[in-house]
C-alpha atoms as a PDB file:
ATOM      1  CA  MET A   1      -4.759 -31.837  35.255  1.00  0.00           C
ATOM      2  CA  LYS A   2      -5.209 -35.336  34.852  1.00  0.00           C
ATOM      3  CA  LEU A   3      -8.641 -35.038  33.670  1.00  0.00           C
ATOM      4  CA  LEU A   4      -7.179 -32.488  31.300  1.00  0.00           C
ATOM      5  CA  SER A   5      -5.004 -34.679  29.771  1.00  0.00           C
ATOM      6  CA  ARG A   6      -7.196 -37.347  29.671  1.00  0.00           C
ATOM      7  CA  HIS A   7      -9.635 -35.182  28.011  1.00  0.00           C
ATOM      8  CA  ILE A   8      -6.686 -33.723  25.645  1.00  0.00           C
ATOM      9  CA  GLY A   9      -5.488 -37.427  25.009  1.00  0.00           C
ATOM     10  CA  GLY A  10      -9.122 -38.714  23.957  1.00  0.00           C
ATOM     11  CA  ARG A  11      -9.239 -35.844  21.872  1.00  0.00           C
ATOM     12  CA  LEU A  12      -6.315 -37.064  19.833  1.00  0.00           C
ATOM     13  CA  TYR A  13      -7.062 -40.544  19.543  1.00  0.00           C
ATOM     14  CA  ARG A  14     -10.319 -39.867  18.191  1.00  0.00           C
ATOM     15  CA  ARG A  15      -8.525 -37.268  15.478  1.00  0.00           C
ATOM     16  CA  ARG A  16      -5.641 -40.165  15.330  1.00  0.00           C
ATOM     17  CA  TRP A  17      -6.360 -40.721  11.388  1.00  0.00           C
ATOM     18  CA  LEU A  18      -6.352 -36.505  11.049  1.00  0.00           C
ATOM     19  CA  VAL A  19      -3.145 -36.085  12.998  1.00  0.00           C
ATOM     20  CA  ALA A  20      -1.325 -39.092  11.251  1.00  0.00           C
ATOM     21  CA  SER A  21      -2.327 -37.956   7.769  1.00  0.00           C
ATOM     22  CA  SER A  22      -1.420 -34.244   8.572  1.00  0.00           C
ATOM     23  CA  LEU A  23       1.860 -35.301   9.761  1.00  0.00           C
ATOM     24  CA  LEU A  24       2.890 -37.660   6.911  1.00  0.00           C
ATOM     25  CA  LEU A  25       1.805 -34.826   4.254  1.00  0.00           C
ATOM     26  CA  LEU A  26       3.891 -32.369   6.047  1.00  0.00           C
ATOM     27  CA  GLY A  27       6.995 -34.628   6.287  1.00  0.00           C
ATOM     28  CA  PHE A  28       6.875 -35.841   2.785  1.00  0.00           C
ATOM     29  CA  THR A  29       6.158 -32.270   1.538  1.00  0.00           C
ATOM     30  CA  PHE A  30       9.083 -30.886   3.472  1.00  0.00           C
ATOM     31  CA  GLY A  31      11.152 -33.922   3.728  1.00  0.00           C
ATOM     32  CA  MET A  32      10.803 -35.328  -0.175  1.00  0.00           C
ATOM     33  CA  PRO A  33      14.519 -34.588  -0.657  1.00  0.00           C
ATOM     34  CA  LEU A  34      15.529 -36.933   1.734  1.00  0.00           C
ATOM     35  CA  THR A  35      14.151 -40.034   0.093  1.00  0.00           C
ATOM     36  CA  ALA A  36      16.349 -39.486  -2.912  1.00  0.00           C
ATOM     37  CA  PRO A  37      18.621 -42.522  -1.665  1.00  0.00           C
ATOM     38  CA  LEU A  38      15.423 -44.908  -1.183  1.00  0.00           C
ATOM     39  CA  PHE A  39      13.944 -44.024  -4.731  1.00  0.00           C
ATOM     40  CA  ALA A  40      17.622 -44.671  -6.037  1.00  0.00           C
ATOM     41  CA  ARG A  41      17.949 -47.743  -4.856  1.00  0.00           C
ATOM     42  CA  LEU A  42      14.196 -48.914  -5.879  1.00  0.00           C
ATOM     43  CA  PHE A  43      14.661 -47.229  -9.416  1.00  0.00           C
ATOM     44  CA  PRO A  44      18.268 -47.833 -10.107  1.00  0.00           C
ATOM     45  CA  GLU A  45      17.999 -47.405 -13.939  1.00  0.00           C
ATOM     46  CA  LEU A  46      16.655 -43.816 -13.232  1.00  0.00           C
ATOM     47  CA  ASP A  47      19.547 -41.041 -13.562  1.00  0.00           C
ATOM     48  CA  ARG A  48      17.037 -38.675 -11.762  1.00  0.00           C
ATOM     49  CA  PRO A  49      14.914 -40.577  -9.100  1.00  0.00           C
ATOM     50  CA  LEU A  50      13.842 -37.187  -7.498  1.00  0.00           C
ATOM     51  CA  TYR A  51      11.702 -34.709  -8.977  1.00  0.00           C
ATOM     52  CA  VAL A  52      13.843 -31.250  -8.542  1.00  0.00           C
ATOM     53  CA  GLN A  53      12.190 -28.687 -11.076  1.00  0.00           C
ATOM     54  CA  ASP A  54       9.869 -27.502  -8.162  1.00  0.00           C
ATOM     55  CA  SER A  55       9.965 -27.998  -4.484  1.00  0.00           C
ATOM     56  CA  PHE A  56       7.089 -30.108  -3.440  1.00  0.00           C
ATOM     57  CA  ALA A  57       6.011 -27.234  -0.802  1.00  0.00           C
ATOM     58  CA  ALA A  58       5.491 -24.718  -3.692  1.00  0.00           C
ATOM     59  CA  LEU A  59       3.512 -27.553  -5.719  1.00  0.00           C
ATOM     60  CA  VAL A  60       1.330 -28.571  -2.736  1.00  0.00           C
ATOM     61  CA  LEU A  61       0.578 -24.531  -2.177  1.00  0.00           C
ATOM     62  CA  ALA A  62      -0.361 -24.238  -5.663  1.00  0.00           C
ATOM     63  CA  HIS A  63      -2.421 -27.183  -5.757  1.00  0.00           C
ATOM     64  CA  LEU A  64      -4.187 -26.066  -2.486  1.00  0.00           C
ATOM     65  CA  ASN A  65      -4.683 -22.597  -4.215  1.00  0.00           C
ATOM     66  CA  ILE A  66      -6.405 -23.830  -7.091  1.00  0.00           C
ATOM     67  CA  VAL A  67      -8.707 -26.574  -5.548  1.00  0.00           C
ATOM     68  CA  LEU A  68      -9.472 -23.407  -2.617  1.00  0.00           C
ATOM     69  CA  TRP A  69     -10.747 -20.929  -5.512  1.00  0.00           C
ATOM     70  CA  SER A  70     -12.568 -23.586  -7.407  1.00  0.00           C
ATOM     71  CA  GLY A  71     -14.151 -24.982  -4.311  1.00  0.00           C
ATOM     72  CA  VAL A  72     -15.464 -21.501  -3.149  1.00  0.00           C
ATOM     73  CA  ILE A  73     -16.692 -20.887  -6.376  1.00  0.00           C
ATOM     74  CA  ALA A  74     -18.402 -24.578  -6.774  1.00  0.00           C
ATOM     75  CA  VAL A  75     -19.991 -24.039  -3.290  1.00  0.00           C
ATOM     76  CA  ALA A  76     -21.364 -20.383  -3.772  1.00  0.00           C
ATOM     77  CA  GLY A  77     -22.994 -22.001  -6.978  1.00  0.00           C
ATOM     78  CA  GLY A  78     -24.217 -24.775  -5.889  1.00  0.00           C
ATOM     79  CA  VAL A  79     -25.309 -23.845  -2.287  1.00  0.00           C
ATOM     80  CA  ALA A  80     -27.378 -20.690  -4.906  1.00  0.00           C
ATOM     81  CA  ALA A  81     -28.673 -23.289  -7.058  1.00  0.00           C
ATOM     82  CA  GLY A  82     -30.226 -25.508  -4.149  1.00  0.00           C
ATOM     83  CA  LEU A  83     -31.604 -22.408  -2.462  1.00  0.00           C
ATOM     84  CA  LEU A  84     -33.272 -21.314  -5.562  1.00  0.00           C
ATOM     85  CA  VAL A  85     -34.776 -24.293  -6.439  1.00  0.00           C
ATOM     86  CA  THR A  86     -36.045 -25.160  -3.189  1.00  0.00           C
ATOM     87  CA  ARG A  87     -37.923 -22.214  -2.934  1.00  0.00           C
ATOM     88  CA  PRO A  88     -41.670 -22.061  -3.936  1.00  0.00           C
ATOM     89  CA  ALA A  89     -40.885 -19.802  -6.883  1.00  0.00           C
ATOM     90  CA  GLY A  90     -37.726 -22.265  -8.438  1.00  0.00           C
ATOM     91  CA  ARG A  91     -39.419 -25.750  -7.665  1.00  0.00           C
ATOM     92  CA  ALA A  92     -40.288 -25.938 -11.397  1.00  0.00           C
ATOM     93  CA  PHE A  93     -36.608 -25.658 -12.493  1.00  0.00           C
ATOM     94  CA  ARG A  94     -35.083 -28.271  -9.801  1.00  0.00           C
ATOM     95  CA  SER A  95     -35.191 -31.102 -13.042  1.00  0.00           C
ATOM     96  CA  ALA A  96     -33.921 -28.823 -15.506  1.00  0.00           C
ATOM     97  CA  LEU A  97     -31.369 -28.007 -13.060  1.00  0.00           C
ATOM     98  CA  GLU A  98     -30.413 -31.570 -12.225  1.00  0.00           C
ATOM     99  CA  THR A  99     -30.065 -32.391 -16.014  1.00  0.00           C
ATOM    100  CA  VAL A 100     -27.932 -29.532 -16.686  1.00  0.00           C
ATOM    101  CA  LEU A 101     -25.482 -30.254 -13.587  1.00  0.00           C
ATOM    102  CA  ALA A 102     -25.327 -34.030 -14.704  1.00  0.00           C
ATOM    103  CA  ILE A 103     -24.599 -33.121 -18.410  1.00  0.00           C
ATOM    104  CA  SER A 104     -21.835 -30.995 -16.699  1.00  0.00           C
ATOM    105  CA  GLN A 105     -20.511 -34.325 -15.274  1.00  0.00           C
ATOM    106  CA  SER A 106     -20.267 -36.381 -18.156  1.00  0.00           C
ATOM    107  CA  PHE A 107     -17.589 -34.052 -19.676  1.00  0.00           C
ATOM    108  CA  PRO A 108     -14.323 -35.695 -19.179  1.00  0.00           C
ATOM    109  CA  PRO A 109     -11.855 -33.169 -17.587  1.00  0.00           C
ATOM    110  CA  VAL A 110      -9.326 -33.291 -20.230  1.00  0.00           C
ATOM    111  CA  ALA A 111     -12.145 -32.503 -23.034  1.00  0.00           C
ATOM    112  CA  VAL A 112     -12.940 -29.654 -20.945  1.00  0.00           C
ATOM    113  CA  LEU A 113      -9.304 -28.272 -20.737  1.00  0.00           C
ATOM    114  CA  ALA A 114      -8.919 -29.019 -24.450  1.00  0.00           C
ATOM    115  CA  VAL A 115     -12.069 -27.027 -25.656  1.00  0.00           C
ATOM    116  CA  ALA A 116     -11.296 -23.922 -22.664  1.00  0.00           C
ATOM    117  CA  VAL A 117      -7.531 -23.531 -23.630  1.00  0.00           C
ATOM    118  CA  PRO A 118      -8.391 -21.909 -27.069  1.00  0.00           C
ATOM    119  CA  VAL A 119     -10.747 -19.562 -25.616  1.00  0.00           C
ATOM    120  CA  VAL A 120      -9.053 -18.323 -22.153  1.00  0.00           C
ATOM    121  CA  GLY A 121      -5.462 -19.659 -22.938  1.00  0.00           C
ATOM    122  CA  PHE A 122      -3.194 -21.618 -20.691  1.00  0.00           C
ATOM    123  CA  GLY A 123      -2.544 -21.950 -16.962  1.00  0.00           C
ATOM    124  CA  GLU A 124      -5.117 -21.671 -14.181  1.00  0.00           C
ATOM    125  CA  THR A 125      -8.357 -20.438 -15.867  1.00  0.00           C
ATOM    126  CA  PRO A 126      -9.309 -23.176 -17.958  1.00  0.00           C
ATOM    127  CA  ALA A 127      -8.474 -25.594 -14.591  1.00  0.00           C
ATOM    128  CA  LEU A 128     -10.748 -23.293 -12.579  1.00  0.00           C
ATOM    129  CA  ILE A 129     -13.598 -24.035 -15.081  1.00  0.00           C
ATOM    130  CA  ALA A 130     -12.942 -27.526 -15.384  1.00  0.00           C
ATOM    131  CA  LEU A 131     -12.775 -27.977 -11.454  1.00  0.00           C
ATOM    132  CA  VAL A 132     -15.783 -26.076 -11.017  1.00  0.00           C
ATOM    133  CA  MET A 133     -18.194 -27.952 -13.502  1.00  0.00           C
ATOM    134  CA  TYR A 134     -16.904 -31.241 -11.682  1.00  0.00           C
ATOM    135  CA  GLY A 135     -17.154 -29.545  -8.028  1.00  0.00           C
ATOM    136  CA  VAL A 136     -20.914 -27.937  -8.081  1.00  0.00           C
ATOM    137  CA  LEU A 137     -23.094 -30.954  -9.049  1.00  0.00           C
ATOM    138  CA  PRO A 138     -22.067 -32.713  -5.305  1.00  0.00           C
ATOM    139  CA  VAL A 139     -22.614 -29.488  -3.632  1.00  0.00           C
ATOM    140  CA  ALA A 140     -25.791 -28.626  -5.613  1.00  0.00           C
ATOM    141  CA  GLN A 141     -27.396 -32.293  -4.639  1.00  0.00           C
ATOM    142  CA  GLY A 142     -26.385 -31.641  -1.019  1.00  0.00           C
ATOM    143  CA  ALA A 143     -28.038 -28.606  -0.841  1.00  0.00           C
ATOM    144  CA  MET A 144     -31.158 -29.684  -2.681  1.00  0.00           C
ATOM    145  CA  THR A 145     -31.658 -32.769  -0.625  1.00  0.00           C
ATOM    146  CA  GLY A 146     -30.742 -30.883   2.793  1.00  0.00           C
ATOM    147  CA  LEU A 147     -33.240 -28.340   2.300  1.00  0.00           C
ATOM    148  CA  SER A 148     -35.857 -30.370   1.170  1.00  0.00           C
ATOM    149  CA  SER A 149     -35.645 -33.187   3.739  1.00  0.00           C
ATOM    150  CA  ILE A 150     -36.766 -30.579   6.454  1.00  0.00           C
ATOM    151  CA  PRO A 151     -40.102 -31.280   7.998  1.00  0.00           C
ATOM    152  CA  PRO A 152     -42.867 -29.118   6.712  1.00  0.00           C
ATOM    153  CA  PRO A 153     -44.041 -28.803  10.228  1.00  0.00           C
ATOM    154  CA  ILE A 154     -40.638 -27.441  11.550  1.00  0.00           C
ATOM    155  CA  LEU A 155     -41.126 -24.756   8.849  1.00  0.00           C
ATOM    156  CA  GLU A 156     -44.675 -24.010  10.181  1.00  0.00           C
ATOM    157  CA  ILE A 157     -43.722 -23.792  13.452  1.00  0.00           C
ATOM    158  CA  ALA A 158     -40.820 -21.260  12.726  1.00  0.00           C
ATOM    159  CA  ARG A 159     -43.480 -19.019  10.828  1.00  0.00           C
ATOM    160  CA  GLY A 160     -46.105 -19.487  13.577  1.00  0.00           C
ATOM    161  CA  ILE A 161     -43.725 -17.602  15.807  1.00  0.00           C
ATOM    162  CA  GLY A 162     -43.396 -14.604  13.735  1.00  0.00           C
ATOM    163  CA  MET A 163     -39.844 -15.309  12.022  1.00  0.00           C
ATOM    164  CA  ASN A 164     -39.642 -13.870   8.496  1.00  0.00           C
ATOM    165  CA  ARG A 165     -38.131 -16.045   5.741  1.00  0.00           C
ATOM    166  CA  TRP A 166     -34.779 -14.512   6.487  1.00  0.00           C
ATOM    167  CA  GLN A 167     -34.677 -15.407   9.933  1.00  0.00           C
ATOM    168  CA  ILE A 168     -36.130 -19.137   8.935  1.00  0.00           C
ATOM    169  CA  LEU A 169     -33.443 -19.259   6.156  1.00  0.00           C
ATOM    170  CA  TYR A 170     -30.281 -18.891   8.628  1.00  0.00           C
ATOM    171  CA  ARG A 171     -31.650 -19.879  12.256  1.00  0.00           C
ATOM    172  CA  VAL A 172     -33.797 -22.940  10.996  1.00  0.00           C
ATOM    173  CA  GLU A 173     -33.526 -24.009   7.688  1.00  0.00           C
ATOM    174  CA  LEU A 174     -29.375 -23.836   7.172  1.00  0.00           C
ATOM    175  CA  PRO A 175     -28.474 -25.197  10.681  1.00  0.00           C
ATOM    176  CA  LEU A 176     -30.825 -28.422   9.951  1.00  0.00           C
ATOM    177  CA  ALA A 177     -29.611 -28.983   6.439  1.00  0.00           C
ATOM    178  CA  ALA A 178     -25.825 -28.387   7.143  1.00  0.00           C
ATOM    179  CA  PRO A 179     -24.540 -31.944   7.660  1.00  0.00           C
ATOM    180  CA  VAL A 180     -25.943 -33.153   4.263  1.00  0.00           C
ATOM    181  CA  ILE A 181     -24.640 -29.723   2.331  1.00  0.00           C
ATOM    182  CA  LEU A 182     -21.399 -30.445   3.903  1.00  0.00           C
ATOM    183  CA  ALA A 183     -21.404 -33.576   2.884  1.00  0.00           C
ATOM    184  CA  GLY A 184     -21.882 -32.251  -0.480  1.00  0.00           C
ATOM    185  CA  ILE A 185     -18.929 -30.005  -0.117  1.00  0.00           C
ATOM    186  CA  ARG A 186     -16.699 -32.893   1.234  1.00  0.00           C
ATOM    187  CA  THR A 187     -17.588 -34.697  -1.670  1.00  0.00           C
ATOM    188  CA  SER A 188     -16.595 -31.965  -4.312  1.00  0.00           C
ATOM    189  CA  VAL A 189     -13.531 -30.998  -2.560  1.00  0.00           C
ATOM    190  CA  VAL A 190     -11.869 -34.578  -2.542  1.00  0.00           C
ATOM    191  CA  ILE A 191     -12.888 -35.070  -6.265  1.00  0.00           C
ATOM    192  CA  ASN A 192     -11.352 -31.719  -7.193  1.00  0.00           C
ATOM    193  CA  ILE A 193      -7.842 -32.674  -5.550  1.00  0.00           C
ATOM    194  CA  GLY A 194      -7.724 -35.335  -7.431  1.00  0.00           C
ATOM    195  CA  THR A 195      -9.004 -33.876 -10.491  1.00  0.00           C
ATOM    196  CA  ALA A 196      -6.467 -30.635 -10.075  1.00  0.00           C
ATOM    197  CA  ALA A 197      -3.550 -32.802 -11.134  1.00  0.00           C
ATOM    198  CA  ILE A 198      -4.986 -32.909 -14.659  1.00  0.00           C
ATOM    199  CA  ALA A 199      -4.596 -28.981 -14.716  1.00  0.00           C
ATOM    200  CA  SER A 200      -0.835 -29.157 -15.165  1.00  0.00           C
ATOM    201  CA  THR A 201      -1.454 -30.200 -18.822  1.00  0.00           C
ATOM    202  CA  VAL A 202      -2.608 -27.077 -19.725  1.00  0.00           C
ATOM    203  CA  GLY A 203       0.355 -24.853 -17.588  1.00  0.00           C
ATOM    204  CA  ALA A 204      -1.223 -24.664 -14.236  1.00  0.00           C
ATOM    205  CA  LYS A 205       1.068 -25.109 -11.506  1.00  0.00           C
ATOM    206  CA  THR A 206      -0.084 -28.594  -9.468  1.00  0.00           C
ATOM    207  CA  LEU A 207       1.060 -31.548  -8.062  1.00  0.00           C
ATOM    208  CA  GLY A 208       0.335 -32.822 -11.087  1.00  0.00           C
ATOM    209  CA  LEU A 209       3.406 -31.667 -12.618  1.00  0.00           C
ATOM    210  CA  PRO A 210       5.964 -34.444 -11.343  1.00  0.00           C
ATOM    211  CA  ILE A 211       3.346 -36.870 -12.340  1.00  0.00           C
ATOM    212  CA  ILE A 212       2.962 -35.514 -15.954  1.00  0.00           C
ATOM    213  CA  VAL A 213       6.683 -35.305 -16.407  1.00  0.00           C
ATOM    214  CA  GLY A 214       7.081 -38.747 -15.144  1.00  0.00           C
ATOM    215  CA  LEU A 215       4.839 -40.319 -17.362  1.00  0.00           C
ATOM    216  CA  SER A 216       6.111 -38.584 -20.242  1.00  0.00           C
ATOM    217  CA  GLY A 217       9.824 -39.499 -19.332  1.00  0.00           C
ATOM    218  CA  PHE A 218       9.181 -43.008 -18.203  1.00  0.00           C
ATOM    219  CA  ASN A 219      10.219 -41.967 -14.500  1.00  0.00           C
ATOM    220  CA  THR A 220       7.830 -43.987 -12.536  1.00  0.00           C
ATOM    221  CA  ALA A 221       9.363 -42.262  -9.093  1.00  0.00           C
ATOM    222  CA  TYR A 222       8.171 -38.865 -10.441  1.00  0.00           C
ATOM    223  CA  VAL A 223       4.808 -40.443 -11.057  1.00  0.00           C
ATOM    224  CA  ILE A 224       5.180 -42.032  -7.339  1.00  0.00           C
ATOM    225  CA  GLN A 225       5.858 -38.611  -5.527  1.00  0.00           C
ATOM    226  CA  GLY A 226       3.298 -36.553  -7.158  1.00  0.00           C
ATOM    227  CA  ALA A 227       0.754 -39.254  -6.446  1.00  0.00           C
ATOM    228  CA  LEU A 228       1.462 -39.680  -3.154  1.00  0.00           C
ATOM    229  CA  LEU A 229       1.503 -36.035  -2.132  1.00  0.00           C
ATOM    230  CA  VAL A 230      -1.915 -35.868  -4.075  1.00  0.00           C
ATOM    231  CA  ALA A 231      -3.440 -38.934  -1.901  1.00  0.00           C
ATOM    232  CA  LEU A 232      -2.375 -37.636   1.222  1.00  0.00           C
ATOM    233  CA  LEU A 233      -3.714 -34.320   0.486  1.00  0.00           C
ATOM    234  CA  ALA A 234      -6.882 -35.813  -0.325  1.00  0.00           C
ATOM    235  CA  ILE A 235      -7.320 -38.174   3.210  1.00  0.00           C
ATOM    236  CA  VAL A 236      -6.724 -34.732   5.026  1.00  0.00           C
ATOM    237  CA  ALA A 237      -9.011 -33.002   3.779  1.00  0.00           C
ATOM    238  CA  ASP A 238     -11.123 -35.849   4.033  1.00  0.00           C
ATOM    239  CA  GLN A 239     -10.635 -36.605   7.810  1.00  0.00           C
ATOM    240  CA  LEU A 240     -10.983 -32.613   8.001  1.00  0.00           C
ATOM    241  CA  PHE A 241     -14.481 -32.590   6.821  1.00  0.00           C
ATOM    242  CA  ASP A 242     -15.367 -35.327   8.855  1.00  0.00           C
ATOM    243  CA  TRP A 243     -14.226 -33.474  12.027  1.00  0.00           C
ATOM    244  CA  LEU A 244     -16.510 -30.770  10.908  1.00  0.00           C
ATOM    245  CA  SER A 245     -19.223 -32.959   9.991  1.00  0.00           C
ATOM    246  CA  GLU A 246     -19.340 -34.093  13.526  1.00  0.00           C
ATOM    247  CA  ARG A 247     -19.128 -30.223  14.931  1.00  0.00           C
ATOM    248  CA  SER A 248     -22.037 -29.481  12.566  1.00  0.00           C
ATOM    249  CA  GLN A 249     -24.350 -31.998  14.247  1.00  0.00           C
ATOM    250  CA  ARG A 250     -24.623 -29.233  17.549  1.00  0.00           C
ATOM    251  CA  TRP A 251     -26.156 -26.944  14.933  1.00  0.00           C
ATOM    252  CA  THR A 252     -29.431 -29.047  14.820  1.00  0.00           C
ATOM    253  CA  PRO A 253     -30.100 -28.511  18.808  1.00  0.00           C
ATOM    254  CA  GLN A 254     -29.329 -25.127  18.349  1.00  0.00           C
ATOM    255  CA  ALA A 255     -31.861 -24.879  15.444  1.00  0.00           C
ATOM    256  CA  VAL A 256     -34.221 -26.651  17.688  1.00  0.00           C
ATOM    257  CA  ALA A 257     -33.620 -24.204  20.353  1.00  0.00           C
ATOM    258  CA  ALA A 258     -34.323 -21.068  18.366  1.00  0.00           C
ATOM    259  CA  LEU A 259     -37.772 -23.052  17.732  1.00  0.00           C
ATOM    260  CA  HIS A 260     -38.415 -23.097  21.571  1.00  0.00           C
ATOM    261  CA  SER A 261     -37.289 -19.778  22.483  1.00  0.00           C
ATOM    262  CA  GLY A 262     -39.660 -18.460  19.869  1.00  0.00           C
ATOM    263  CA  GLU A 263     -42.310 -20.209  21.167  1.00  0.00           C
ATOM    264  CA  SER A 264     -41.835 -19.235  24.896  1.00  0.00           C
ATOM    265  CA  LEU A 265     -41.692 -15.821  23.934  1.00  0.00           C
ATOM    266  CA  VAL A 266     -45.150 -15.800  22.220  1.00  0.00           C
ATOM    267  CA  ASN A 267     -46.722 -17.844  25.139  1.00  0.00           C
END
């Protein structure tokens, strides 16, 4: 029993920042109304020191929803693009892909929203377009770097033991490249959590609403409340990906074990 409690305590200590940031996020999401006296004291000149147009829990869920969907699209597109240009038939297109992705990053998010609104209207759609444009580059770069960094002798061994190209991809290449790909996804998601706040300028419901209302109404308390939750959300996401990154390190030995098991069958 003591060993079990010590093991659980050790795991909680290693993940202390994840636990602490998650508790803070939950506390401020559901307990923000309790901070009204604090903000009233900090900003006595404000008639309404607490944002009450929407519940913060609803704003956090809406923010997560738009980040999740944009992240799914960016990951699917980025990994697919990385796979395409690391195959023999697509290597000639790698420099062109990197150029296109770099150009997409050069447009400010507000400019993308301004161009998208007349075409698709207000709401979440223009926000998704902007977030996908910003989120796909880190994922694609991670996929290209991870898949390109696999030593050719490992791939030769996989072919030598009779693996077909799909088996090599799923049992060798992707497990070995997973830590680098995951690092790209981590960067993409954390960036988009912050960028999604701008989506409220085109009618999307996000944590940017208190920030924008606060800026337009010279209400610093609103800005702090929205920015605090965005920052905590980004920290929690970053810590979650840190935990996933540690677990992904276990996939490398599994890929090597798959090669060894194949070699033993051949021999």
